[in-house]
Amino acid sequence: MSNERMPIKALESALNEVISIKLKDQRVFRGRLTRCDIYMNLTLADAEELEDEEVRAKYGSILIRGNNILWIQIPE
């Protein structure tokens, strides 16, 4: 598999971009990706929790464990 098709490389290229993440418990978060590791643990700055496309709560910086992630939306 080429480096461009590896998920971790896609995440690294999205550092400092705003991404959306859906967790296995169906919660959705949006924020600026500040860190990621090989386990897909992510740190978001200026994070918001969304419900039906509306902001439900605002957070400063949050850590999301990779094993809780259902999907990640990265801007093109």
PDB file of N, CA and C in Angstrom:
ATOM      1  N   MET A   1       0.859  -1.182   0.000  1.00  0.00           N
ATOM      2  CA  MET A   1       0.000   0.000   0.000  1.00  0.00           C
ATOM      3  C   MET A   1       0.899   1.237   0.000  1.00  0.00           C
ATOM      4  N   SER A   2       0.608   2.174  -0.877  1.00  0.00           N
ATOM      5  CA  SER A   2       1.409   3.390  -0.947  1.00  0.00           C
ATOM      6  C   SER A   2       1.113   4.282   0.261  1.00  0.00           C
ATOM      7  N   ASN A   3       2.055   5.155   0.571  1.00  0.00           N
ATOM      8  CA  ASN A   3       1.901   6.048   1.723  1.00  0.00           C
ATOM      9  C   ASN A   3       0.691   6.949   1.596  1.00  0.00           C
ATOM     10  N   GLU A   4       0.328   7.348   0.361  1.00  0.00           N
ATOM     11  CA  GLU A   4      -0.802   8.257   0.175  1.00  0.00           C
ATOM     12  C   GLU A   4      -2.125   7.607   0.566  1.00  0.00           C
ATOM     13  N   ARG A   5      -2.202   6.277   0.521  1.00  0.00           N
ATOM     14  CA  ARG A   5      -3.451   5.586   0.808  1.00  0.00           C
ATOM     15  C   ARG A   5      -3.559   5.126   2.260  1.00  0.00           C
ATOM     16  N   MET A   6      -2.531   5.372   3.046  1.00  0.00           N
ATOM     17  CA  MET A   6      -2.559   4.963   4.443  1.00  0.00           C
ATOM     18  C   MET A   6      -3.328   6.001   5.261  1.00  0.00           C
ATOM     19  N   PRO A   7      -4.274   5.561   6.081  1.00  0.00           N
ATOM     20  CA  PRO A   7      -5.091   6.512   6.859  1.00  0.00           C
ATOM     21  C   PRO A   7      -4.275   7.449   7.736  1.00  0.00           C
ATOM     22  N   ILE A   8      -3.215   6.957   8.345  1.00  0.00           N
ATOM     23  CA  ILE A   8      -2.431   7.826   9.228  1.00  0.00           C
ATOM     24  C   ILE A   8      -1.769   8.941   8.430  1.00  0.00           C
ATOM     25  N   LYS A   9      -1.368   8.676   7.205  1.00  0.00           N
ATOM     26  CA  LYS A   9      -0.775   9.717   6.357  1.00  0.00           C
ATOM     27  C   LYS A   9      -1.818  10.774   5.992  1.00  0.00           C
ATOM     28  N   ALA A  10      -3.051  10.340   5.753  1.00  0.00           N
ATOM     29  CA  ALA A  10      -4.134  11.286   5.467  1.00  0.00           C
ATOM     30  C   ALA A  10      -4.376  12.183   6.676  1.00  0.00           C
ATOM     31  N   LEU A  11      -4.342  11.607   7.873  1.00  0.00           N
ATOM     32  CA  LEU A  11      -4.521  12.406   9.086  1.00  0.00           C
ATOM     33  C   LEU A  11      -3.375  13.388   9.283  1.00  0.00           C
ATOM     34  N   GLU A  12      -2.158  12.927   9.060  1.00  0.00           N
ATOM     35  CA  GLU A  12      -1.004  13.816   9.217  1.00  0.00           C
ATOM     36  C   GLU A  12      -1.066  14.981   8.238  1.00  0.00           C
ATOM     37  N   SER A  13      -1.581  14.737   7.050  1.00  0.00           N
ATOM     38  CA  SER A  13      -1.691  15.829   6.076  1.00  0.00           C
ATOM     39  C   SER A  13      -2.813  16.797   6.443  1.00  0.00           C
ATOM     40  N   ALA A  14      -3.705  16.390   7.341  1.00  0.00           N
ATOM     41  CA  ALA A  14      -4.821  17.245   7.755  1.00  0.00           C
ATOM     42  C   ALA A  14      -4.530  17.981   9.056  1.00  0.00           C
ATOM     43  N   LEU A  15      -3.297  17.924   9.557  1.00  0.00           N
ATOM     44  CA  LEU A  15      -2.974  18.650  10.786  1.00  0.00           C
ATOM     45  C   LEU A  15      -3.279  20.136  10.610  1.00  0.00           C
ATOM     46  N   ASN A  16      -3.874  20.732  11.615  1.00  0.00           N
ATOM     47  CA  ASN A  16      -4.302  22.133  11.655  1.00  0.00           C
ATOM     48  C   ASN A  16      -5.502  22.423  10.751  1.00  0.00           C
ATOM     49  N   GLU A  17      -6.138  21.387  10.233  1.00  0.00           N
ATOM     50  CA  GLU A  17      -7.374  21.533   9.465  1.00  0.00           C
ATOM     51  C   GLU A  17      -8.550  21.185  10.378  1.00  0.00           C
ATOM     52  N   VAL A  18      -9.722  21.704  10.049  1.00  0.00           N
ATOM     53  CA  VAL A  18     -10.934  21.367  10.801  1.00  0.00           C
ATOM     54  C   VAL A  18     -11.470  20.053  10.247  1.00  0.00           C
ATOM     55  N   ILE A  19     -11.663  19.070  11.144  1.00  0.00           N
ATOM     56  CA  ILE A  19     -12.178  17.764  10.756  1.00  0.00           C
ATOM     57  C   ILE A  19     -13.416  17.449  11.586  1.00  0.00           C
ATOM     58  N   SER A  20     -14.189  16.477  11.126  1.00  0.00           N
ATOM     59  CA  SER A  20     -15.346  15.983  11.869  1.00  0.00           C
ATOM     60  C   SER A  20     -15.114  14.517  12.198  1.00  0.00           C
ATOM     61  N   ILE A  21     -15.560  14.110  13.372  1.00  0.00           N
ATOM     62  CA  ILE A  21     -15.368  12.743  13.843  1.00  0.00           C
ATOM     63  C   ILE A  21     -16.685  12.236  14.424  1.00  0.00           C
ATOM     64  N   LYS A  22     -17.077  11.038  14.021  1.00  0.00           N
ATOM     65  CA  LYS A  22     -18.242  10.394  14.624  1.00  0.00           C
ATOM     66  C   LYS A  22     -17.752   9.228  15.455  1.00  0.00           C
ATOM     67  N   LEU A  23     -18.228   9.158  16.689  1.00  0.00           N
ATOM     68  CA  LEU A  23     -17.830   8.098  17.600  1.00  0.00           C
ATOM     69  C   LEU A  23     -18.811   6.935  17.533  1.00  0.00           C
ATOM     70  N   LYS A  24     -18.390   5.805  18.060  1.00  0.00           N
ATOM     71  CA  LYS A  24     -19.240   4.611  18.061  1.00  0.00           C
ATOM     72  C   LYS A  24     -20.540   4.824  18.832  1.00  0.00           C
ATOM     73  N   ASP A  25     -20.540   5.755  19.790  1.00  0.00           N
ATOM     74  CA  ASP A  25     -21.771   6.048  20.543  1.00  0.00           C
ATOM     75  C   ASP A  25     -22.643   7.085  19.833  1.00  0.00           C
ATOM     76  N   GLN A  26     -22.314   7.370  18.557  1.00  0.00           N
ATOM     77  CA  GLN A  26     -23.081   8.244  17.659  1.00  0.00           C
ATOM     78  C   GLN A  26     -22.877   9.738  17.896  1.00  0.00           C
ATOM     79  N   ARG A  27     -22.033  10.143  18.844  1.00  0.00           N
ATOM     80  CA  ARG A  27     -21.737  11.563  19.021  1.00  0.00           C
ATOM     81  C   ARG A  27     -20.824  12.037  17.897  1.00  0.00           C
ATOM     82  N   VAL A  28     -20.975  13.302  17.498  1.00  0.00           N
ATOM     83  CA  VAL A  28     -20.155  13.883  16.433  1.00  0.00           C
ATOM     84  C   VAL A  28     -19.419  15.091  16.998  1.00  0.00           C
ATOM     85  N   PHE A  29     -18.112  15.157  16.713  1.00  0.00           N
ATOM     86  CA  PHE A  29     -17.277  16.265  17.152  1.00  0.00           C
ATOM     87  C   PHE A  29     -16.625  16.918  15.944  1.00  0.00           C
ATOM     88  N   ARG A  30     -16.414  18.218  16.032  1.00  0.00           N
ATOM     89  CA  ARG A  30     -15.719  18.964  14.981  1.00  0.00           C
ATOM     90  C   ARG A  30     -14.701  19.863  15.668  1.00  0.00           C
ATOM     91  N   GLY A  31     -13.499  19.938  15.087  1.00  0.00           N
ATOM     92  CA  GLY A  31     -12.469  20.791  15.649  1.00  0.00           C
ATOM     93  C   GLY A  31     -11.212  20.747  14.803  1.00  0.00           C
ATOM     94  N   ARG A  32     -10.230  21.540  15.195  1.00  0.00           N
ATOM     95  CA  ARG A  32      -8.965  21.622  14.467  1.00  0.00           C
ATOM     96  C   ARG A  32      -8.040  20.524  14.977  1.00  0.00           C
ATOM     97  N   LEU A  33      -7.612  19.665  14.072  1.00  0.00           N
ATOM     98  CA  LEU A  33      -6.739  18.545  14.416  1.00  0.00           C
ATOM     99  C   LEU A  33      -5.349  19.068  14.778  1.00  0.00           C
ATOM    100  N   THR A  34      -4.919  18.796  16.013  1.00  0.00           N
ATOM    101  CA  THR A  34      -3.612  19.277  16.451  1.00  0.00           C
ATOM    102  C   THR A  34      -2.597  18.159  16.613  1.00  0.00           C
ATOM    103  N   ARG A  35      -3.056  16.936  16.875  1.00  0.00           N
ATOM    104  CA  ARG A  35      -2.144  15.796  17.029  1.00  0.00           C
ATOM    105  C   ARG A  35      -2.835  14.515  16.626  1.00  0.00           C
ATOM    106  N   CYS A  36      -2.035  13.558  16.151  1.00  0.00           N
ATOM    107  CA  CYS A  36      -2.526  12.208  15.896  1.00  0.00           C
ATOM    108  C   CYS A  36      -1.358  11.249  16.084  1.00  0.00           C
ATOM    109  N   ASP A  37      -1.664   9.999  16.409  1.00  0.00           N
ATOM    110  CA  ASP A  37      -0.600   9.010  16.556  1.00  0.00           C
ATOM    111  C   ASP A  37      -0.955   7.750  15.771  1.00  0.00           C
ATOM    112  N   ILE A  38      -0.098   6.739  15.867  1.00  0.00           N
ATOM    113  CA  ILE A  38      -0.293   5.536  15.051  1.00  0.00           C
ATOM    114  C   ILE A  38      -1.530   4.747  15.452  1.00  0.00           C
ATOM    115  N   TYR A  39      -2.081   5.010  16.636  1.00  0.00           N
ATOM    116  CA  TYR A  39      -3.305   4.355  17.083  1.00  0.00           C
ATOM    117  C   TYR A  39      -4.547   5.168  16.722  1.00  0.00           C
ATOM    118  N   MET A  40      -4.363   6.254  16.003  1.00  0.00           N
ATOM    119  CA  MET A  40      -5.407   7.194  15.611  1.00  0.00           C
ATOM    120  C   MET A  40      -6.046   7.887  16.801  1.00  0.00           C
ATOM    121  N   ASN A  41      -5.303   8.001  17.904  1.00  0.00           N
ATOM    122  CA  ASN A  41      -5.733   8.887  18.980  1.00  0.00           C
ATOM    123  C   ASN A  41      -5.568  10.301  18.452  1.00  0.00           C
ATOM    124  N   LEU A  42      -6.584  11.123  18.622  1.00  0.00           N
ATOM    125  CA  LEU A  42      -6.585  12.467  18.042  1.00  0.00           C
ATOM    126  C   LEU A  42      -6.792  13.520  19.116  1.00  0.00           C
ATOM    127  N   THR A  43      -6.152  14.653  18.941  1.00  0.00           N
ATOM    128  CA  THR A  43      -6.388  15.821  19.786  1.00  0.00           C
ATOM    129  C   THR A  43      -6.964  16.918  18.908  1.00  0.00           C
ATOM    130  N   LEU A  44      -8.100  17.466  19.338  1.00  0.00           N
ATOM    131  CA  LEU A  44      -8.755  18.556  18.622  1.00  0.00           C
ATOM    132  C   LEU A  44      -8.722  19.817  19.471  1.00  0.00           C
ATOM    133  N   ALA A  45      -8.466  20.948  18.844  1.00  0.00           N
ATOM    134  CA  ALA A  45      -8.557  22.252  19.503  1.00  0.00           C
ATOM    135  C   ALA A  45      -9.845  22.922  19.045  1.00  0.00           C
ATOM    136  N   ASP A  46     -10.386  23.792  19.872  1.00  0.00           N
ATOM    137  CA  ASP A  46     -11.639  24.500  19.553  1.00  0.00           C
ATOM    138  C   ASP A  46     -12.728  23.513  19.174  1.00  0.00           C
ATOM    139  N   ALA A  47     -12.819  22.414  19.908  1.00  0.00           N
ATOM    140  CA  ALA A  47     -13.749  21.334  19.584  1.00  0.00           C
ATOM    141  C   ALA A  47     -15.185  21.692  19.941  1.00  0.00           C
ATOM    142  N   GLU A  48     -16.088  21.182  19.122  1.00  0.00           N
ATOM    143  CA  GLU A  48     -17.527  21.346  19.347  1.00  0.00           C
ATOM    144  C   GLU A  48     -18.191  19.985  19.207  1.00  0.00           C
ATOM    145  N   GLU A  49     -19.192  19.754  20.048  1.00  0.00           N
ATOM    146  CA  GLU A  49     -20.014  18.558  19.912  1.00  0.00           C
ATOM    147  C   GLU A  49     -21.261  18.967  19.137  1.00  0.00           C
ATOM    148  N   LEU A  50     -21.576  18.212  18.094  1.00  0.00           N
ATOM    149  CA  LEU A  50     -22.710  18.539  17.237  1.00  0.00           C
ATOM    150  C   LEU A  50     -23.851  17.556  17.447  1.00  0.00           C
ATOM    151  N   GLU A  51     -25.062  18.073  17.285  1.00  0.00           N
ATOM    152  CA  GLU A  51     -26.259  17.239  17.306  1.00  0.00           C
ATOM    153  C   GLU A  51     -27.194  17.770  16.236  1.00  0.00           C
ATOM    154  N   ASP A  52     -27.510  16.957  15.252  1.00  0.00           N
ATOM    155  CA  ASP A  52     -28.340  17.378  14.116  1.00  0.00           C
ATOM    156  C   ASP A  52     -27.760  18.617  13.439  1.00  0.00           C
ATOM    157  N   GLU A  53     -26.440  18.605  13.208  1.00  0.00           N
ATOM    158  CA  GLU A  53     -25.716  19.693  12.528  1.00  0.00           C
ATOM    159  C   GLU A  53     -25.666  20.992  13.320  1.00  0.00           C
ATOM    160  N   GLU A  54     -26.146  20.996  14.563  1.00  0.00           N
ATOM    161  CA  GLU A  54     -26.121  22.183  15.406  1.00  0.00           C
ATOM    162  C   GLU A  54     -25.157  21.971  16.570  1.00  0.00           C
ATOM    163  N   VAL A  55     -24.515  23.049  17.018  1.00  0.00           N
ATOM    164  CA  VAL A  55     -23.560  22.952  18.121  1.00  0.00           C
ATOM    165  C   VAL A  55     -24.316  22.676  19.411  1.00  0.00           C
ATOM    166  N   ARG A  56     -23.954  21.577  20.060  1.00  0.00           N
ATOM    167  CA  ARG A  56     -24.576  21.194  21.330  1.00  0.00           C
ATOM    168  C   ARG A  56     -23.732  21.677  22.505  1.00  0.00           C
ATOM    169  N   ALA A  57     -22.392  21.595  22.349  1.00  0.00           N
ATOM    170  CA  ALA A  57     -21.472  22.020  23.415  1.00  0.00           C
ATOM    171  C   ALA A  57     -20.152  22.433  22.783  1.00  0.00           C
ATOM    172  N   LYS A  58     -19.451  23.358  23.444  1.00  0.00           N
ATOM    173  CA  LYS A  58     -18.139  23.799  22.982  1.00  0.00           C
ATOM    174  C   LYS A  58     -17.105  23.404  24.029  1.00  0.00           C
ATOM    175  N   TYR A  59     -15.957  22.930  23.538  1.00  0.00           N
ATOM    176  CA  TYR A  59     -14.864  22.516  24.402  1.00  0.00           C
ATOM    177  C   TYR A  59     -13.604  23.237  23.959  1.00  0.00           C
ATOM    178  N   GLY A  60     -12.618  23.266  24.799  1.00  0.00           N
ATOM    179  CA  GLY A  60     -11.327  23.817  24.407  1.00  0.00           C
ATOM    180  C   GLY A  60     -10.583  22.784  23.582  1.00  0.00           C
ATOM    181  N   SER A  61      -9.820  21.970  24.266  1.00  0.00           N
ATOM    182  CA  SER A  61      -9.043  20.924  23.618  1.00  0.00           C
ATOM    183  C   SER A  61      -9.530  19.573  24.132  1.00  0.00           C
ATOM    184  N   ILE A  62      -9.709  18.608  23.233  1.00  0.00           N
ATOM    185  CA  ILE A  62     -10.158  17.283  23.653  1.00  0.00           C
ATOM    186  C   ILE A  62      -9.271  16.212  23.029  1.00  0.00           C
ATOM    187  N   LEU A  63      -9.211  15.077  23.697  1.00  0.00           N
ATOM    188  CA  LEU A  63      -8.511  13.901  23.203  1.00  0.00           C
ATOM    189  C   LEU A  63      -9.553  12.841  22.910  1.00  0.00           C
ATOM    190  N   ILE A  64      -9.483  12.260  21.723  1.00  0.00           N
ATOM    191  CA  ILE A  64     -10.396  11.183  21.337  1.00  0.00           C
ATOM    192  C   ILE A  64      -9.563   9.933  21.085  1.00  0.00           C
ATOM    193  N   ARG A  65      -9.901   8.878  21.780  1.00  0.00           N
ATOM    194  CA  ARG A  65      -9.185   7.611  21.593  1.00  0.00           C
ATOM    195  C   ARG A  65      -9.572   6.988  20.257  1.00  0.00           C
ATOM    196  N   GLY A  66      -8.580   6.477  19.563  1.00  0.00           N
ATOM    197  CA  GLY A  66      -8.794   5.917  18.239  1.00  0.00           C
ATOM    198  C   GLY A  66      -9.774   4.757  18.198  1.00  0.00           C
ATOM    199  N   ASN A  67      -9.826   3.946  19.263  1.00  0.00           N
ATOM    200  CA  ASN A  67     -10.723   2.796  19.239  1.00  0.00           C
ATOM    201  C   ASN A  67     -12.196   3.173  19.428  1.00  0.00           C
ATOM    202  N   ASN A  68     -12.482   4.446  19.686  1.00  0.00           N
ATOM    203  CA  ASN A  68     -13.868   4.918  19.802  1.00  0.00           C
ATOM    204  C   ASN A  68     -14.394   5.541  18.515  1.00  0.00           C
ATOM    205  N   ILE A  69     -13.541   5.671  17.508  1.00  0.00           N
ATOM    206  CA  ILE A  69     -13.910   6.387  16.282  1.00  0.00           C
ATOM    207  C   ILE A  69     -14.617   5.465  15.292  1.00  0.00           C
ATOM    208  N   LEU A  70     -15.757   5.943  14.796  1.00  0.00           N
ATOM    209  CA  LEU A  70     -16.495   5.228  13.758  1.00  0.00           C
ATOM    210  C   LEU A  70     -16.032   5.726  12.386  1.00  0.00           C
ATOM    211  N   TRP A  71     -15.986   7.061  12.201  1.00  0.00           N
ATOM    212  CA  TRP A  71     -15.465   7.631  10.956  1.00  0.00           C
ATOM    213  C   TRP A  71     -14.883   9.008  11.214  1.00  0.00           C
ATOM    214  N   ILE A  72     -14.026   9.410  10.267  1.00  0.00           N
ATOM    215  CA  ILE A  72     -13.391  10.737  10.295  1.00  0.00           C
ATOM    216  C   ILE A  72     -13.605  11.385   8.950  1.00  0.00           C
ATOM    217  N   GLN A  73     -14.058  12.636   8.947  1.00  0.00           N
ATOM    218  CA  GLN A  73     -14.236  13.390   7.711  1.00  0.00           C
ATOM    219  C   GLN A  73     -13.142  14.447   7.629  1.00  0.00           C
ATOM    220  N   ILE A  74     -12.315  14.326   6.584  1.00  0.00           N
ATOM    221  CA  ILE A  74     -11.197  15.237   6.372  1.00  0.00           C
ATOM    222  C   ILE A  74     -11.522  16.112   5.162  1.00  0.00           C
ATOM    223  N   PRO A  75     -11.321  17.433   5.259  1.00  0.00           N
ATOM    224  CA  PRO A  75     -11.585  18.287   4.091  1.00  0.00           C
ATOM    225  C   PRO A  75     -10.634  17.958   2.946  1.00  0.00           C
ATOM    226  N   GLU A  76     -11.120  18.146   1.726  1.00  0.00           N
ATOM    227  CA  GLU A  76     -10.290  17.859   0.546  1.00  0.00           C
ATOM    228  C   GLU A  76      -9.482  19.036   0.124  1.00  0.00           C
TER     229      GLU A  76
END
